[in-house]
């Protein structure tokens, strides 16, 4: 990745990484912090399509198009690695392993999006929230970002969670409070702890097979 890196960019929480409709010739890798991809519905509501963790690539879907299809915003302060598309294209032509790596990223992102849309259509409010918490915990564990106590840092606002699961903040808070009451999980001060994974798996109808395609870059 150092062969195609041209610099770093620091953004504060709430700043745009990519704006929908803009022309772009740059791909970013999230080095630290959290970001999210989103769309604005005709009613003016924000729907979060994917939450991005350190190590994720941002802007892959725009390669070859030159125009950003979805907005990307920093959920926390972030550090981004900047990589121009032209350098990436040249390296892909020279290195088949790099081409396969980018293909795996695209497939992984599509699997994540398909699961998110499926969750919105077939899970209860509590099931959606439980599914998202299991997903985040699993992804963080895959990257070695789980704390020694078994929990993990989830520095998201309630509005981020609500917009990711297609609920109001009130419904999201109610679902989290109910799961806390049932001793399934706690999410407090940016720290997530899973107390009864079995119960959460049942509630969410959890199947982590869609997360098995790891980013090999």
Protein backbone atom coordinates (compact mmCIF):
# COMPACT_ATOMS: atom_id res chain seq x y z
CA UNK A 1 0.00 0.00 0.00
CA UNK A 2 2.96 2.33 0.59
CA UNK A 3 3.70 2.08 -3.15
CA UNK A 4 0.53 4.00 -4.00
CA UNK A 5 0.12 6.20 -0.96
CA UNK A 6 0.54 9.93 -1.58
CA UNK A 7 -0.16 11.31 1.88
CA UNK A 8 -2.52 11.46 4.84
CA UNK A 9 -5.59 13.51 5.67
CA UNK A 10 -7.01 14.31 9.10
CA UNK A 11 -10.71 15.08 9.49
CA UNK A 12 -12.83 15.99 12.48
CA UNK A 13 -16.05 14.16 13.40
CA UNK A 14 -18.88 15.30 11.12
CA UNK A 15 -16.67 16.31 8.21
CA UNK A 16 -17.23 14.82 4.77
CA UNK A 17 -14.75 12.28 3.44
CA UNK A 18 -16.60 11.99 0.12
CA UNK A 19 -19.74 13.79 -1.05
CA UNK A 20 -22.35 12.14 -3.24
CA UNK A 21 -22.26 13.35 -6.82
CA UNK A 22 -18.78 14.84 -6.59
CA UNK A 23 -16.03 13.88 -9.02
CA UNK A 24 -13.27 11.93 -7.30
CA UNK A 25 -10.01 10.36 -8.36
CA UNK A 26 -8.96 9.29 -4.87
CA UNK A 27 -9.45 6.25 -2.67
CA UNK A 28 -8.92 6.39 1.08
CA UNK A 29 -7.94 3.84 3.71
CA UNK A 30 -9.23 4.54 7.20
CA UNK A 31 -6.12 4.41 9.40
CA UNK A 32 -7.82 5.43 12.64
CA UNK A 33 -11.30 6.44 13.73
CA UNK A 34 -14.75 5.48 12.41
CA UNK A 35 -16.67 6.67 9.36
CA UNK A 36 -19.92 5.75 7.60
CA UNK A 37 -21.41 5.59 4.12
CA UNK A 38 -24.91 7.04 3.83
CA UNK A 39 -27.72 8.25 1.59
CA UNK A 40 -30.39 10.88 2.20
CA UNK A 41 -33.91 9.63 1.52
CA UNK A 42 -36.50 11.71 -0.40
CA UNK A 43 -38.03 12.55 2.98
CA UNK A 44 -34.72 14.05 4.09
CA UNK A 45 -33.76 11.26 6.50
CA UNK A 46 -30.27 9.81 6.67
CA UNK A 47 -29.83 6.08 6.11
CA UNK A 48 -26.44 4.67 7.03
CA UNK A 49 -25.48 1.89 4.63
CA UNK A 50 -22.21 0.83 6.23
CA UNK A 51 -20.13 1.66 9.28
CA UNK A 52 -16.40 1.78 8.55
CA UNK A 53 -13.71 0.67 10.99
CA UNK A 54 -9.93 1.19 10.92
CA UNK A 55 -8.51 -0.67 7.92
CA UNK A 56 -11.54 -0.20 5.67
CA UNK A 57 -11.25 1.27 2.17
CA UNK A 58 -13.47 4.21 1.26
CA UNK A 59 -14.44 5.11 -2.29
CA UNK A 60 -13.82 1.73 -3.94
CA UNK A 61 -17.26 1.76 -5.63
CA UNK A 62 -16.35 4.99 -7.45
CA UNK A 63 -13.30 3.54 -9.21
CA UNK A 64 -13.86 3.55 -12.97
CA UNK A 65 -16.80 5.94 -12.62
CA UNK A 66 -15.06 9.07 -11.38
CA UNK A 67 -18.21 10.14 -9.52
CA UNK A 68 -19.08 9.39 -5.91
CA UNK A 69 -22.30 7.39 -5.59
CA UNK A 70 -22.78 7.69 -1.80
CA UNK A 71 -21.63 10.19 0.78
CA UNK A 72 -19.02 9.19 3.37
CA UNK A 73 -18.70 11.09 6.65
CA UNK A 74 -16.37 10.87 9.63
CA UNK A 75 -18.24 9.56 12.69
CA UNK A 76 -15.22 10.36 14.90
CA UNK A 77 -11.98 12.19 14.26
CA UNK A 78 -10.24 10.15 11.55
CA UNK A 79 -6.87 9.71 9.88
CA UNK A 80 -7.00 8.73 6.20
CA UNK A 81 -4.39 7.31 3.87
CA UNK A 82 -4.73 8.96 0.43
CA UNK A 83 -4.29 6.83 -2.71
CA UNK A 84 -4.97 8.21 -6.24
CA UNK A 85 -6.96 5.96 -8.57
CA UNK A 86 -4.40 6.23 -11.38
CA UNK A 87 -1.67 4.74 -9.20
CA UNK A 88 -4.00 1.97 -8.08
CA UNK A 89 -4.98 1.15 -11.67
CA UNK A 90 -1.34 0.94 -12.74
CA UNK A 91 -0.48 -1.36 -9.84
CA UNK A 92 -3.50 -3.60 -10.54
CA UNK A 93 -2.33 -4.01 -14.14
CA UNK A 94 1.12 -5.06 -12.92
CA UNK A 95 0.14 -7.22 -9.94
CA UNK A 96 -2.67 -9.84 -10.27
CA UNK A 97 -2.67 -10.37 -6.49
CA UNK A 98 -3.49 -6.71 -6.01
CA UNK A 99 -6.36 -7.04 -8.49
CA UNK A 100 -7.75 -10.00 -6.56
CA UNK A 101 -7.40 -8.04 -3.35
CA UNK A 102 -9.51 -5.18 -4.66
CA UNK A 103 -12.08 -7.64 -5.99
CA UNK A 104 -12.37 -9.16 -2.52
CA UNK A 105 -12.95 -5.70 -1.03
CA UNK A 106 -15.79 -5.03 -3.47
CA UNK A 107 -17.37 -8.43 -2.76
CA UNK A 108 -17.09 -7.89 0.99
CA UNK A 109 -18.71 -4.45 0.78
CA UNK A 110 -21.58 -5.81 -1.31
CA UNK A 111 -22.16 -8.66 1.14
CA UNK A 112 -22.27 -6.15 4.01
CA UNK A 113 -24.77 -3.95 2.18
CA UNK A 114 -26.98 -6.92 1.23
CA UNK A 115 -27.09 -8.05 4.87
CA UNK A 116 -27.91 -4.52 6.06
CA UNK A 117 -30.85 -4.26 3.65
CA UNK A 118 -32.03 -7.74 4.59
CA UNK A 119 -31.92 -6.81 8.27
CA UNK A 120 -34.09 -3.74 7.67
CA UNK A 121 -36.70 -5.86 5.91
CA UNK A 122 -37.04 -8.94 8.09
CA UNK A 123 -35.89 -8.28 11.66
CA UNK A 124 -37.72 -6.70 14.59
CA UNK A 125 -36.46 -3.44 16.05
CA UNK A 126 -34.59 -5.26 18.83
CA UNK A 127 -33.33 -7.84 16.35
CA UNK A 128 -31.87 -5.13 14.12
CA UNK A 129 -29.98 -3.53 17.00
CA UNK A 130 -28.77 -6.90 18.31
CA UNK A 131 -27.59 -7.84 14.82
CA UNK A 132 -25.62 -4.60 14.44
CA UNK A 133 -23.96 -5.03 17.84
CA UNK A 134 -22.95 -8.59 16.99
CA UNK A 135 -21.64 -7.46 13.62
CA UNK A 136 -19.52 -4.67 15.09
CA UNK A 137 -18.15 -6.91 17.84
CA UNK A 138 -17.26 -9.62 15.30
CA UNK A 139 -15.56 -7.20 12.90
CA UNK A 140 -13.55 -5.60 15.69
CA UNK A 141 -12.54 -9.03 16.97
CA UNK A 142 -11.37 -10.04 13.49
CA UNK A 143 -9.06 -7.01 13.53
CA UNK A 144 -7.72 -7.63 17.01
CA UNK A 145 -9.53 -4.60 18.43
CA UNK A 146 -11.38 -6.33 21.27
CA UNK A 147 -10.38 -5.26 24.78
CA UNK A 148 -8.86 -7.66 27.30
CA UNK A 149 -12.21 -7.80 29.11
CA UNK A 150 -13.88 -9.10 25.92
CA UNK A 151 -15.72 -5.87 25.19
CA UNK A 152 -14.88 -3.31 22.52
CA UNK A 153 -14.95 0.41 21.88
CA UNK A 154 -17.92 1.56 19.81
CA UNK A 155 -17.59 5.37 19.65
CA UNK A 156 -20.92 5.99 17.96
CA UNK A 157 -23.74 8.35 18.85
CA UNK A 158 -27.23 6.96 19.30
CA UNK A 159 -28.21 8.71 16.06
CA UNK A 160 -25.58 6.71 14.14
CA UNK A 161 -26.97 3.43 15.45
CA UNK A 162 -30.55 4.50 14.77
CA UNK A 163 -29.77 5.52 11.19
CA UNK A 164 -27.89 2.25 10.58
CA UNK A 165 -30.86 0.11 11.68
CA UNK A 166 -33.62 2.29 10.22
CA UNK A 167 -35.20 3.27 13.55
CA UNK A 168 -35.78 6.46 15.49
CA UNK A 169 -33.38 7.30 18.29
CA UNK A 170 -36.20 6.62 20.76
CA UNK A 171 -36.87 3.12 19.40
CA UNK A 172 -33.14 2.39 19.36
CA UNK A 173 -32.71 3.49 22.97
CA UNK A 174 -35.71 1.37 23.96
CA UNK A 175 -34.22 -1.71 22.29
CA UNK A 176 -30.84 -1.18 23.95
CA UNK A 177 -32.49 -0.62 27.33
CA UNK A 178 -34.50 -3.83 26.99
CA UNK A 179 -31.40 -5.86 26.10
CA UNK A 180 -29.56 -4.29 29.02
CA UNK A 181 -32.46 -5.20 31.33
CA UNK A 182 -32.35 -8.79 30.06
CA UNK A 183 -28.57 -8.81 30.69
CA UNK A 184 -27.78 -9.46 27.02
CA UNK A 185 -25.47 -6.46 26.49
CA UNK A 186 -24.52 -3.02 27.65
CA UNK A 187 -23.44 -0.05 25.56
CA UNK A 188 -22.26 2.76 27.78
CA UNK A 189 -19.74 5.57 27.32
CA UNK A 190 -18.66 4.17 23.98
CA UNK A 191 -17.95 0.68 25.30
CA UNK A 192 -19.87 -2.41 24.17
CA UNK A 193 -20.02 -5.56 26.31
CA UNK A 194 -21.86 -8.72 25.25
CA UNK A 195 -23.13 -10.60 28.33
CA UNK A 196 -25.29 -13.29 26.73
CA UNK A 197 -24.17 -13.93 23.17
CA UNK A 198 -26.43 -16.96 22.79
CA UNK A 199 -29.53 -14.88 23.53
CA UNK A 200 -28.36 -12.14 21.17
CA UNK A 201 -27.72 -14.66 18.37
CA UNK A 202 -31.26 -16.00 18.78
CA UNK A 203 -32.81 -12.53 18.89
CA UNK A 204 -30.90 -11.35 15.81
CA UNK A 205 -31.07 -14.57 13.79
CA UNK A 206 -27.31 -14.10 13.57
CA UNK A 207 -25.24 -15.81 10.87
CA UNK A 208 -21.75 -14.37 10.38
CA UNK A 209 -21.02 -16.10 7.06
CA UNK A 210 -21.31 -12.79 5.18
CA UNK A 211 -18.31 -11.49 7.15
CA UNK A 212 -16.03 -14.35 6.17
CA UNK A 213 -14.69 -12.58 3.07
CA UNK A 214 -11.83 -10.70 4.69
CA UNK A 215 -9.96 -7.80 3.15
CA UNK A 216 -6.69 -9.41 2.04
CA UNK A 217 -4.82 -6.19 1.31
